[in-house]
Structure formats: structure tokens, C-alpha cells
Amino acid sequence: MSSTPFENSTMPEASLNPCSDLLFEKLDPGYKTSLLIPWVFICGIAGLTSSTAVFFASGIIIFLDYLWAFPAFVAFIATGFIVTPVIAGARGVALREHDIHFRSGVIWQKVISLPFNRIQHVEMESGPLERMLKLTTLKIYTAGGGSTDMSIPGLSFGRASKLRSYILQKAGIADSTGAVDD
């Protein structure tokens, strides 16, 4: 047993650095496109399905009565061109010597912070749309759960690889070659 007494001194809040002082770097510009494509696709399917249903159920005469819905449908798709850049712009990554931070949210803002010494596993994942846009998602896991503790979408493969290597090195985890960088 150690003979050093345990101390837990009080720290004044004024001496702490707030998360707002972090410099968050933007995600890859292609991330906006990866958010926009599903938006337009889903709106297109919904508009096509509803207009087809009205046309076949009611015939051409009543279908013409519903032409007012077309500008509303176009406006809804157009909002995707406004909303997705705002969502993508609100997300960012900040990297420091001992931790990594991910910011997200436009209305409900959230910052996730993970110290490197708690990280156990890091993986890169790309779905078909991400691969088409040459993007990947970096997933970071810590002890205590099977779910992802931090997921950073919209990274270029090169940037995600560099971040992954840096995190693994700082966490002291073996890389893909089996070597541990200390």
C-alpha cells in the first residue's frame, strides 16, 4: 500500500478551459452531398408514390386539382439544399494531445469528448454511398459497452486513416501490424 495520502483539492471553475475554446475542424466537403442524396431520394420516392396513388385512384381530372402540391413538393426538396449544409457545417472534430472531441447539432448542440487513455478500439466503416463519395466514418470505442462511444462521419479516407493511427498511438493500442507504439 502507498503511504501517500489521497488528495482531492477544489479547483476554481474560472481556471478551467471551456470546450468552446476548442478549434473544431470541418468535415470533408463531400459530407454535405452524402446527407443531401438520401434527402432528395426519399422526397422523390414519397412524391412519386403519392402522386401516382392520387392519379390512379382519382383519374386525370382530380389529379389536376392536386397540381398545387407540386410546388410544395419542390420546396420540400429545396429545403434539403439549405438544411444539409447547415447540419454538415455544425459538425466538426477537435484533436488535442490527450483527447479527441466531436461536435454536432444545430438546435440541440452536443460535444463528445474522449480521452485517449480510455479508448480500446478504433475502426473505419464505409457504406456504399460513402464509398462512392470517397468518405468513411471513424468509430471509436471505449471500455464498458458494445456500442460506439464516438462516431465521426464525413471524413476522407486519408484523414480518417491518419486520425486512426494517431489515436491508436496515443491510446497505446496495437495497430494492424501488431506493433504497439509507445
N, C-alpha and C. Protein backbone atom coordinates (compact mmCIF):
# COMPACT_ATOMS: atom_id res chain seq x y z
N MET A 1 0.82 -1.17 0.00
CA MET A 1 0.00 0.00 0.00
C MET A 1 0.87 1.24 0.00
N SER A 2 0.40 2.25 -0.65
CA SER A 2 1.14 3.50 -0.75
C SER A 2 0.95 4.33 0.52
N SER A 3 2.02 4.99 0.92
CA SER A 3 1.94 5.83 2.12
C SER A 3 1.55 7.27 1.77
N THR A 4 1.37 7.58 0.48
CA THR A 4 0.98 8.92 0.07
C THR A 4 -0.50 9.12 0.34
N PRO A 5 -0.85 10.21 1.04
CA PRO A 5 -2.27 10.44 1.32
C PRO A 5 -3.01 10.87 0.05
N PHE A 6 -4.26 10.50 0.00
CA PHE A 6 -5.12 10.88 -1.12
C PHE A 6 -5.53 12.33 -0.97
N GLU A 7 -5.40 13.09 -2.04
CA GLU A 7 -5.83 14.49 -2.03
C GLU A 7 -6.81 14.72 -3.17
N ASN A 8 -7.79 15.55 -2.89
CA ASN A 8 -8.78 15.91 -3.90
C ASN A 8 -9.11 17.39 -3.70
N SER A 9 -8.20 18.24 -4.15
CA SER A 9 -8.32 19.67 -3.92
C SER A 9 -9.41 20.28 -4.79
N THR A 10 -10.00 21.35 -4.30
CA THR A 10 -11.01 22.09 -5.03
C THR A 10 -10.34 22.95 -6.10
N MET A 11 -10.94 22.96 -7.30
CA MET A 11 -10.44 23.80 -8.38
C MET A 11 -11.46 24.88 -8.68
N PRO A 12 -11.02 26.12 -8.79
CA PRO A 12 -11.97 27.17 -9.17
C PRO A 12 -12.38 27.01 -10.63
N GLU A 13 -13.65 27.15 -10.91
CA GLU A 13 -14.15 26.99 -12.28
C GLU A 13 -13.52 27.98 -13.25
N ALA A 14 -13.14 29.13 -12.78
CA ALA A 14 -12.55 30.15 -13.64
C ALA A 14 -11.22 29.68 -14.25
N SER A 15 -10.56 28.71 -13.62
CA SER A 15 -9.27 28.22 -14.12
C SER A 15 -9.42 27.13 -15.19
N LEU A 16 -10.65 26.69 -15.45
CA LEU A 16 -10.88 25.62 -16.42
C LEU A 16 -11.01 26.19 -17.83
N ASN A 17 -10.55 25.42 -18.82
CA ASN A 17 -10.72 25.80 -20.23
C ASN A 17 -12.04 25.26 -20.74
N PRO A 18 -12.93 26.12 -21.23
CA PRO A 18 -14.22 25.63 -21.74
C PRO A 18 -14.06 24.95 -23.11
N CYS A 19 -14.99 24.05 -23.42
CA CYS A 19 -14.99 23.37 -24.72
C CYS A 19 -15.17 24.36 -25.86
N SER A 20 -15.76 25.51 -25.58
CA SER A 20 -15.97 26.49 -26.64
C SER A 20 -14.65 27.06 -27.16
N ASP A 21 -13.56 26.89 -26.39
CA ASP A 21 -12.24 27.34 -26.83
C ASP A 21 -11.59 26.38 -27.82
N LEU A 22 -12.17 25.20 -28.01
CA LEU A 22 -11.60 24.23 -28.93
C LEU A 22 -11.76 24.71 -30.37
N LEU A 23 -10.78 24.42 -31.19
CA LEU A 23 -10.86 24.75 -32.62
C LEU A 23 -11.31 23.51 -33.37
N PHE A 24 -12.58 23.49 -33.75
CA PHE A 24 -13.13 22.34 -34.46
C PHE A 24 -12.86 22.48 -35.95
N GLU A 25 -12.34 21.40 -36.53
CA GLU A 25 -12.08 21.38 -37.97
C GLU A 25 -13.30 20.78 -38.67
N LYS A 26 -13.63 21.34 -39.81
CA LYS A 26 -14.80 20.90 -40.59
C LYS A 26 -14.58 19.49 -41.13
N LEU A 27 -15.68 18.84 -41.48
CA LEU A 27 -15.63 17.54 -42.13
C LEU A 27 -15.39 17.74 -43.62
N ASP A 28 -15.21 16.66 -44.35
CA ASP A 28 -14.96 16.72 -45.79
C ASP A 28 -16.14 17.38 -46.50
N PRO A 29 -15.88 18.23 -47.51
CA PRO A 29 -16.99 18.88 -48.24
C PRO A 29 -17.97 17.90 -48.86
N GLY A 30 -17.53 16.70 -49.21
CA GLY A 30 -18.42 15.69 -49.78
C GLY A 30 -19.46 15.18 -48.80
N TYR A 31 -19.27 15.48 -47.51
CA TYR A 31 -20.23 15.04 -46.50
C TYR A 31 -21.59 15.69 -46.72
N LYS A 32 -21.61 16.93 -47.19
CA LYS A 32 -22.88 17.61 -47.49
C LYS A 32 -23.66 16.81 -48.53
N THR A 33 -22.94 16.34 -49.54
CA THR A 33 -23.57 15.55 -50.60
C THR A 33 -24.11 14.24 -50.04
N SER A 34 -23.36 13.63 -49.12
CA SER A 34 -23.80 12.35 -48.54
C SER A 34 -25.06 12.52 -47.71
N LEU A 35 -25.32 13.71 -47.21
CA LEU A 35 -26.57 13.98 -46.49
C LEU A 35 -27.69 14.35 -47.46
N LEU A 36 -27.35 15.03 -48.55
CA LEU A 36 -28.35 15.53 -49.49
C LEU A 36 -28.95 14.42 -50.35
N ILE A 37 -28.13 13.47 -50.79
CA ILE A 37 -28.61 12.42 -51.70
C ILE A 37 -29.76 11.62 -51.08
N PRO A 38 -29.65 11.12 -49.84
CA PRO A 38 -30.80 10.41 -49.26
C PRO A 38 -32.03 11.30 -49.10
N TRP A 39 -31.82 12.58 -48.75
CA TRP A 39 -32.94 13.52 -48.60
C TRP A 39 -33.72 13.62 -49.91
N VAL A 40 -33.03 13.87 -51.01
CA VAL A 40 -33.68 14.01 -52.32
C VAL A 40 -34.30 12.69 -52.75
N PHE A 41 -33.61 11.58 -52.51
CA PHE A 41 -34.12 10.26 -52.88
C PHE A 41 -35.42 9.95 -52.15
N ILE A 42 -35.45 10.16 -50.84
CA ILE A 42 -36.65 9.86 -50.05
C ILE A 42 -37.79 10.78 -50.45
N CYS A 43 -37.49 12.08 -50.63
CA CYS A 43 -38.54 13.02 -51.06
C CYS A 43 -39.06 12.63 -52.45
N GLY A 44 -38.17 12.22 -53.33
CA GLY A 44 -38.58 11.82 -54.67
C GLY A 44 -39.49 10.60 -54.65
N ILE A 45 -39.13 9.61 -53.85
CA ILE A 45 -39.97 8.39 -53.73
C ILE A 45 -41.33 8.76 -53.13
N ALA A 46 -41.33 9.59 -52.08
CA ALA A 46 -42.60 9.98 -51.44
C ALA A 46 -43.48 10.76 -52.42
N GLY A 47 -42.88 11.70 -53.16
CA GLY A 47 -43.66 12.49 -54.12
C GLY A 47 -44.19 11.65 -55.26
N LEU A 48 -43.36 10.77 -55.78
CA LEU A 48 -43.78 9.91 -56.88
C LEU A 48 -44.87 8.95 -56.44
N THR A 49 -44.72 8.37 -55.26
CA THR A 49 -45.71 7.42 -54.75
C THR A 49 -47.05 8.11 -54.51
N SER A 50 -47.03 9.26 -53.86
CA SER A 50 -48.29 9.94 -53.56
C SER A 50 -48.98 10.45 -54.82
N SER A 51 -48.21 10.99 -55.77
CA SER A 51 -48.85 11.49 -57.00
C SER A 51 -49.39 10.33 -57.84
N THR A 52 -48.69 9.22 -57.86
CA THR A 52 -49.17 8.05 -58.60
C THR A 52 -50.45 7.51 -57.97
N ALA A 53 -50.50 7.48 -56.65
CA ALA A 53 -51.69 6.99 -55.95
C ALA A 53 -52.89 7.88 -56.24
N VAL A 54 -52.69 9.19 -56.20
CA VAL A 54 -53.79 10.12 -56.48
C VAL A 54 -54.25 9.97 -57.92
N PHE A 55 -53.31 9.86 -58.86
CA PHE A 55 -53.66 9.75 -60.27
C PHE A 55 -54.47 8.49 -60.56
N PHE A 56 -54.00 7.34 -60.06
CA PHE A 56 -54.70 6.09 -60.36
C PHE A 56 -56.00 5.94 -59.57
N ALA A 57 -56.06 6.54 -58.39
CA ALA A 57 -57.28 6.43 -57.59
C ALA A 57 -58.37 7.37 -58.10
N SER A 58 -57.98 8.52 -58.63
CA SER A 58 -58.96 9.54 -58.95
C SER A 58 -59.08 9.86 -60.43
N GLY A 59 -58.10 9.50 -61.20
CA GLY A 59 -58.14 9.83 -62.62
C GLY A 59 -57.52 11.19 -62.88
N ILE A 60 -57.42 11.53 -64.16
CA ILE A 60 -56.72 12.74 -64.58
C ILE A 60 -57.41 14.02 -64.14
N ILE A 61 -58.73 14.04 -64.07
CA ILE A 61 -59.45 15.27 -63.72
C ILE A 61 -59.13 15.69 -62.28
N ILE A 62 -59.25 14.78 -61.34
CA ILE A 62 -58.96 15.11 -59.94
C ILE A 62 -57.46 15.28 -59.74
N PHE A 63 -56.64 14.57 -60.52
CA PHE A 63 -55.18 14.72 -60.43
C PHE A 63 -54.79 16.17 -60.71
N LEU A 64 -55.46 16.80 -61.67
CA LEU A 64 -55.16 18.19 -61.99
C LEU A 64 -55.51 19.12 -60.82
N ASP A 65 -56.48 18.71 -59.99
CA ASP A 65 -56.83 19.51 -58.81
C ASP A 65 -55.69 19.50 -57.78
N TYR A 66 -54.84 18.51 -57.83
CA TYR A 66 -53.74 18.39 -56.86
C TYR A 66 -52.42 18.94 -57.39
N LEU A 67 -52.42 19.65 -58.50
CA LEU A 67 -51.18 20.21 -59.04
C LEU A 67 -50.55 21.25 -58.10
N TRP A 68 -51.34 21.81 -57.18
CA TRP A 68 -50.80 22.75 -56.21
C TRP A 68 -49.74 22.09 -55.35
N ALA A 69 -49.81 20.77 -55.22
CA ALA A 69 -48.87 20.05 -54.36
C ALA A 69 -47.47 19.99 -54.99
N PHE A 70 -47.38 20.16 -56.30
CA PHE A 70 -46.07 20.07 -56.95
C PHE A 70 -45.10 21.15 -56.46
N PRO A 71 -45.50 22.44 -56.39
CA PRO A 71 -44.57 23.44 -55.84
C PRO A 71 -44.19 23.15 -54.38
N ALA A 72 -45.14 22.63 -53.61
CA ALA A 72 -44.83 22.28 -52.22
C ALA A 72 -43.80 21.15 -52.17
N PHE A 73 -43.96 20.18 -53.06
CA PHE A 73 -43.01 19.06 -53.15
C PHE A 73 -41.62 19.57 -53.54
N VAL A 74 -41.54 20.46 -54.52
CA VAL A 74 -40.26 21.04 -54.95
C VAL A 74 -39.65 21.86 -53.81
N ALA A 75 -40.47 22.60 -53.07
CA ALA A 75 -39.97 23.39 -51.95
C ALA A 75 -39.41 22.50 -50.86
N PHE A 76 -40.04 21.36 -50.63
CA PHE A 76 -39.56 20.43 -49.61
C PHE A 76 -38.20 19.86 -50.01
N ILE A 77 -38.04 19.51 -51.29
CA ILE A 77 -36.74 19.03 -51.77
C ILE A 77 -35.71 20.15 -51.66
N ALA A 78 -36.11 21.37 -52.01
CA ALA A 78 -35.20 22.51 -51.96
C ALA A 78 -34.70 22.79 -50.54
N THR A 79 -35.53 22.52 -49.54
CA THR A 79 -35.07 22.73 -48.16
C THR A 79 -33.87 21.83 -47.84
N GLY A 80 -33.78 20.70 -48.51
CA GLY A 80 -32.62 19.83 -48.33
C GLY A 80 -31.33 20.52 -48.72
N PHE A 81 -31.40 21.39 -49.73
CA PHE A 81 -30.21 22.12 -50.16
C PHE A 81 -29.82 23.21 -49.16
N ILE A 82 -30.74 23.55 -48.27
CA ILE A 82 -30.45 24.53 -47.23
C ILE A 82 -30.07 23.83 -45.93
N VAL A 83 -30.84 22.80 -45.57
CA VAL A 83 -30.66 22.11 -44.29
C VAL A 83 -29.36 21.30 -44.23
N THR A 84 -29.06 20.54 -45.28
CA THR A 84 -27.89 19.65 -45.20
C THR A 84 -26.57 20.39 -45.05
N PRO A 85 -26.33 21.53 -45.73
CA PRO A 85 -25.07 22.25 -45.46
C PRO A 85 -25.00 22.79 -44.03
N VAL A 86 -26.15 23.17 -43.47
CA VAL A 86 -26.16 23.67 -42.09
C VAL A 86 -25.81 22.55 -41.13
N ILE A 87 -26.40 21.37 -41.34
CA ILE A 87 -26.10 20.22 -40.49
C ILE A 87 -24.63 19.84 -40.60
N ALA A 88 -24.13 19.75 -41.83
CA ALA A 88 -22.73 19.38 -42.04
C ALA A 88 -21.79 20.43 -41.45
N GLY A 89 -22.15 21.69 -41.56
CA GLY A 89 -21.31 22.76 -41.03
C GLY A 89 -21.26 22.81 -39.52
N ALA A 90 -22.28 22.26 -38.87
CA ALA A 90 -22.33 22.26 -37.41
C ALA A 90 -21.49 21.13 -36.82
N ARG A 91 -21.02 20.22 -37.64
CA ARG A 91 -20.23 19.09 -37.16
C ARG A 91 -18.75 19.35 -37.37
N GLY A 92 -17.95 18.93 -36.40
CA GLY A 92 -16.53 19.13 -36.53
C GLY A 92 -15.74 18.29 -35.54
N VAL A 93 -14.43 18.21 -35.76
CA VAL A 93 -13.53 17.40 -34.94
C VAL A 93 -12.45 18.31 -34.37
N ALA A 94 -12.15 18.14 -33.09
CA ALA A 94 -11.04 18.83 -32.45
C ALA A 94 -10.13 17.77 -31.84
N LEU A 95 -8.86 17.89 -32.12
CA LEU A 95 -7.87 16.92 -31.65
C LEU A 95 -6.88 17.65 -30.76
N ARG A 96 -6.67 17.09 -29.57
CA ARG A 96 -5.67 17.66 -28.67
C ARG A 96 -4.68 16.55 -28.30
N GLU A 97 -3.72 16.88 -27.49
CA GLU A 97 -2.66 15.92 -27.16
C GLU A 97 -3.19 14.70 -26.41
N HIS A 98 -4.18 14.89 -25.55
CA HIS A 98 -4.66 13.79 -24.70
C HIS A 98 -6.10 13.37 -24.98
N ASP A 99 -6.80 14.04 -25.91
CA ASP A 99 -8.20 13.69 -26.15
C ASP A 99 -8.65 14.13 -27.54
N ILE A 100 -9.84 13.63 -27.90
CA ILE A 100 -10.48 13.98 -29.17
C ILE A 100 -11.91 14.39 -28.87
N HIS A 101 -12.42 15.36 -29.65
CA HIS A 101 -13.76 15.90 -29.43
C HIS A 101 -14.52 15.92 -30.75
N PHE A 102 -15.83 15.62 -30.68
CA PHE A 102 -16.70 15.69 -31.86
C PHE A 102 -17.90 16.54 -31.51
N ARG A 103 -18.15 17.56 -32.34
CA ARG A 103 -19.27 18.48 -32.14
C ARG A 103 -20.33 18.21 -33.19
N SER A 104 -21.59 18.22 -32.77
CA SER A 104 -22.70 18.05 -33.71
C SER A 104 -23.92 18.80 -33.18
N GLY A 105 -24.90 18.96 -34.06
CA GLY A 105 -26.17 19.56 -33.66
C GLY A 105 -26.30 21.00 -34.05
N VAL A 106 -27.47 21.34 -34.57
CA VAL A 106 -27.78 22.71 -34.94
C VAL A 106 -28.64 23.34 -33.85
N ILE A 107 -29.73 22.71 -33.53
CA ILE A 107 -30.61 23.22 -32.48
C ILE A 107 -30.18 22.67 -31.12
N TRP A 108 -30.08 21.35 -31.01
CA TRP A 108 -29.57 20.70 -29.81
C TRP A 108 -28.11 20.38 -30.06
N GLN A 109 -27.23 21.18 -29.53
CA GLN A 109 -25.80 21.00 -29.78
C GLN A 109 -25.19 20.06 -28.76
N LYS A 110 -24.23 19.27 -29.24
CA LYS A 110 -23.60 18.26 -28.39
C LYS A 110 -22.11 18.20 -28.71
N VAL A 111 -21.28 18.06 -27.68
CA VAL A 111 -19.86 17.84 -27.85
C VAL A 111 -19.51 16.57 -27.08
N ILE A 112 -18.95 15.58 -27.79
CA ILE A 112 -18.50 14.35 -27.17
C ILE A 112 -16.98 14.45 -27.04
N SER A 113 -16.47 14.14 -25.87
CA SER A 113 -15.03 14.20 -25.62
C SER A 113 -14.56 12.85 -25.10
N LEU A 114 -13.50 12.34 -25.70
CA LEU A 114 -12.93 11.06 -25.26
C LEU A 114 -11.44 11.22 -25.00
N PRO A 115 -11.00 10.89 -23.79
CA PRO A 115 -9.55 10.87 -23.54
C PRO A 115 -8.95 9.61 -24.18
N PHE A 116 -7.76 9.76 -24.74
CA PHE A 116 -7.14 8.63 -25.44
C PHE A 116 -6.88 7.43 -24.52
N ASN A 117 -6.63 7.67 -23.24
CA ASN A 117 -6.32 6.55 -22.35
C ASN A 117 -7.54 5.68 -22.04
N ARG A 118 -8.73 6.07 -22.48
CA ARG A 118 -9.95 5.26 -22.28
C ARG A 118 -10.33 4.48 -23.54
N ILE A 119 -9.66 4.77 -24.65
CA ILE A 119 -10.03 4.16 -25.93
C ILE A 119 -9.46 2.76 -26.04
N GLN A 120 -10.31 1.82 -26.49
CA GLN A 120 -9.89 0.43 -26.63
C GLN A 120 -9.86 -0.05 -28.07
N HIS A 121 -10.65 0.58 -28.93
CA HIS A 121 -10.77 0.07 -30.29
C HIS A 121 -11.18 1.22 -31.22
N VAL A 122 -10.61 1.25 -32.41
CA VAL A 122 -10.97 2.26 -33.42
C VAL A 122 -11.16 1.55 -34.75
N GLU A 123 -12.23 1.86 -35.44
CA GLU A 123 -12.46 1.24 -36.75
C GLU A 123 -12.97 2.27 -37.75
N MET A 124 -12.76 1.95 -39.01
CA MET A 124 -13.26 2.79 -40.10
C MET A 124 -14.34 1.99 -40.83
N GLU A 125 -15.44 2.67 -41.17
CA GLU A 125 -16.57 1.99 -41.80
C GLU A 125 -17.09 2.87 -42.94
N SER A 126 -17.39 2.26 -44.07
CA SER A 126 -17.94 2.99 -45.22
C SER A 126 -19.08 2.22 -45.83
N GLY A 127 -20.22 2.88 -45.97
CA GLY A 127 -21.34 2.29 -46.69
C GLY A 127 -21.19 2.55 -48.18
N PRO A 128 -22.11 2.06 -48.99
CA PRO A 128 -22.00 2.24 -50.45
C PRO A 128 -21.96 3.71 -50.88
N LEU A 129 -22.79 4.55 -50.29
CA LEU A 129 -22.80 5.96 -50.65
C LEU A 129 -21.49 6.64 -50.22
N GLU A 130 -21.02 6.31 -49.03
CA GLU A 130 -19.75 6.87 -48.57
C GLU A 130 -18.60 6.44 -49.48
N ARG A 131 -18.57 5.19 -49.87
CA ARG A 131 -17.50 4.71 -50.76
C ARG A 131 -17.57 5.44 -52.10
N MET A 132 -18.77 5.67 -52.61
CA MET A 132 -18.93 6.38 -53.88
C MET A 132 -18.37 7.81 -53.77
N LEU A 133 -18.55 8.43 -52.60
CA LEU A 133 -18.08 9.80 -52.38
C LEU A 133 -16.68 9.84 -51.77
N LYS A 134 -16.05 8.67 -51.63
CA LYS A 134 -14.70 8.54 -51.05
C LYS A 134 -14.64 9.08 -49.63
N LEU A 135 -15.66 8.71 -48.84
CA LEU A 135 -15.74 9.10 -47.43
C LEU A 135 -15.76 7.86 -46.55
N THR A 136 -15.51 8.07 -45.28
CA THR A 136 -15.59 6.98 -44.31
C THR A 136 -16.01 7.54 -42.96
N THR A 137 -16.47 6.66 -42.08
CA THR A 137 -16.85 7.03 -40.72
C THR A 137 -15.85 6.40 -39.77
N LEU A 138 -15.30 7.19 -38.87
CA LEU A 138 -14.37 6.70 -37.86
C LEU A 138 -15.17 6.42 -36.60
N LYS A 139 -15.11 5.17 -36.13
CA LYS A 139 -15.85 4.77 -34.93
C LYS A 139 -14.85 4.46 -33.83
N ILE A 140 -15.08 5.07 -32.67
CA ILE A 140 -14.17 4.93 -31.54
C ILE A 140 -14.92 4.31 -30.37
N TYR A 141 -14.34 3.26 -29.81
CA TYR A 141 -14.96 2.51 -28.72
C TYR A 141 -14.12 2.64 -27.45
N THR A 142 -14.80 2.72 -26.30
CA THR A 142 -14.12 2.72 -25.01
C THR A 142 -14.63 1.52 -24.21
N ALA A 143 -14.07 1.35 -23.02
CA ALA A 143 -14.48 0.23 -22.16
C ALA A 143 -15.91 0.44 -21.66
N GLY A 144 -16.57 -0.65 -21.37
CA GLY A 144 -17.85 -0.56 -20.71
C GLY A 144 -19.07 -0.73 -21.58
N GLY A 145 -18.92 -0.91 -22.86
CA GLY A 145 -20.11 -1.08 -23.67
C GLY A 145 -19.78 -1.59 -25.05
N GLY A 146 -20.78 -2.14 -25.69
CA GLY A 146 -20.60 -2.67 -27.03
C GLY A 146 -20.92 -1.67 -28.11
N SER A 147 -21.45 -0.51 -27.72
CA SER A 147 -21.83 0.47 -28.73
C SER A 147 -20.70 1.47 -28.95
N THR A 148 -20.78 2.17 -30.06
CA THR A 148 -19.79 3.17 -30.40
C THR A 148 -19.90 4.33 -29.42
N ASP A 149 -18.77 4.77 -28.88
CA ASP A 149 -18.78 5.92 -27.98
C ASP A 149 -18.66 7.22 -28.76
N MET A 150 -18.00 7.17 -29.91
CA MET A 150 -17.90 8.34 -30.77
C MET A 150 -17.88 7.87 -32.21
N SER A 151 -18.68 8.49 -33.03
CA SER A 151 -18.74 8.16 -34.44
C SER A 151 -18.57 9.46 -35.22
N ILE A 152 -17.51 9.53 -36.03
CA ILE A 152 -17.21 10.74 -36.78
C ILE A 152 -17.42 10.45 -38.26
N PRO A 153 -18.55 10.89 -38.82
CA PRO A 153 -18.82 10.64 -40.24
C PRO A 153 -18.14 11.69 -41.12
N GLY A 154 -18.19 11.48 -42.42
CA GLY A 154 -17.77 12.51 -43.36
C GLY A 154 -16.30 12.81 -43.40
N LEU A 155 -15.47 11.82 -43.15
CA LEU A 155 -14.02 12.02 -43.25
C LEU A 155 -13.50 11.39 -44.53
N SER A 156 -12.54 12.04 -45.15
CA SER A 156 -11.89 11.41 -46.30
C SER A 156 -11.11 10.20 -45.77
N PHE A 157 -10.86 9.23 -46.63
CA PHE A 157 -10.18 8.02 -46.18
C PHE A 157 -8.80 8.34 -45.63
N GLY A 158 -8.07 9.24 -46.29
CA GLY A 158 -6.74 9.60 -45.83
C GLY A 158 -6.75 10.26 -44.46
N ARG A 159 -7.68 11.18 -44.26
CA ARG A 159 -7.78 11.86 -42.96
C ARG A 159 -8.19 10.89 -41.86
N ALA A 160 -9.14 10.01 -42.16
CA ALA A 160 -9.58 9.02 -41.17
C ALA A 160 -8.44 8.08 -40.81
N SER A 161 -7.65 7.68 -41.79
CA SER A 161 -6.51 6.80 -41.53
C SER A 161 -5.48 7.47 -40.63
N LYS A 162 -5.21 8.75 -40.89
CA LYS A 162 -4.26 9.49 -40.06
C LYS A 162 -4.78 9.64 -38.63
N LEU A 163 -6.07 9.99 -38.50
CA LEU A 163 -6.66 10.12 -37.17
C LEU A 163 -6.63 8.78 -36.43
N ARG A 164 -6.98 7.71 -37.13
CA ARG A 164 -6.98 6.38 -36.53
C ARG A 164 -5.59 6.02 -36.02
N SER A 165 -4.57 6.23 -36.84
CA SER A 165 -3.19 5.92 -36.43
C SER A 165 -2.76 6.75 -35.24
N TYR A 166 -3.10 8.03 -35.26
CA TYR A 166 -2.73 8.92 -34.15
C TYR A 166 -3.42 8.48 -32.86
N ILE A 167 -4.72 8.17 -32.95
CA ILE A 167 -5.47 7.74 -31.77
C ILE A 167 -4.91 6.44 -31.22
N LEU A 168 -4.64 5.47 -32.12
CA LEU A 168 -4.09 4.20 -31.67
C LEU A 168 -2.73 4.39 -31.00
N GLN A 169 -1.92 5.27 -31.56
CA GLN A 169 -0.61 5.54 -30.97
C GLN A 169 -0.77 6.15 -29.58
N LYS A 170 -1.62 7.15 -29.46
CA LYS A 170 -1.82 7.82 -28.18
C LYS A 170 -2.47 6.90 -27.15
N ALA A 171 -3.33 6.00 -27.62
CA ALA A 171 -4.01 5.07 -26.70
C ALA A 171 -3.12 3.89 -26.34
N GLY A 172 -2.01 3.72 -27.09
CA GLY A 172 -1.12 2.60 -26.82
C GLY A 172 -1.70 1.27 -27.25
N ILE A 173 -2.51 1.30 -28.31
CA ILE A 173 -3.16 0.10 -28.82
C ILE A 173 -2.37 -0.41 -30.01
N ALA A 174 -2.29 -1.74 -30.18
CA ALA A 174 -1.59 -2.33 -31.31
C ALA A 174 -2.26 -1.91 -32.60
N ASP A 175 -1.46 -1.53 -33.61
CA ASP A 175 -2.03 -1.21 -34.91
C ASP A 175 -2.20 -2.49 -35.73
N SER A 176 -2.53 -2.35 -36.99
CA SER A 176 -2.82 -3.52 -37.82
C SER A 176 -1.63 -4.44 -38.01
N THR A 177 -0.41 -3.95 -37.77
CA THR A 177 0.77 -4.80 -37.90
C THR A 177 1.04 -5.56 -36.61
N GLY A 178 0.33 -5.20 -35.54
CA GLY A 178 0.51 -5.88 -34.27
C GLY A 178 1.48 -5.14 -33.35
N ALA A 179 2.12 -4.10 -33.86
CA ALA A 179 3.08 -3.36 -33.04
C ALA A 179 2.35 -2.32 -32.20
N VAL A 180 2.83 -2.12 -31.01
CA VAL A 180 2.28 -1.08 -30.14
C VAL A 180 3.24 0.08 -30.15
N ASP A 181 2.72 1.26 -30.50
CA ASP A 181 3.53 2.46 -30.49
C ASP A 181 3.44 3.12 -29.12
N ASP A 182 4.55 3.32 -28.46
CA ASP A 182 4.55 3.99 -27.15
C ASP A 182 5.21 5.32 -27.25
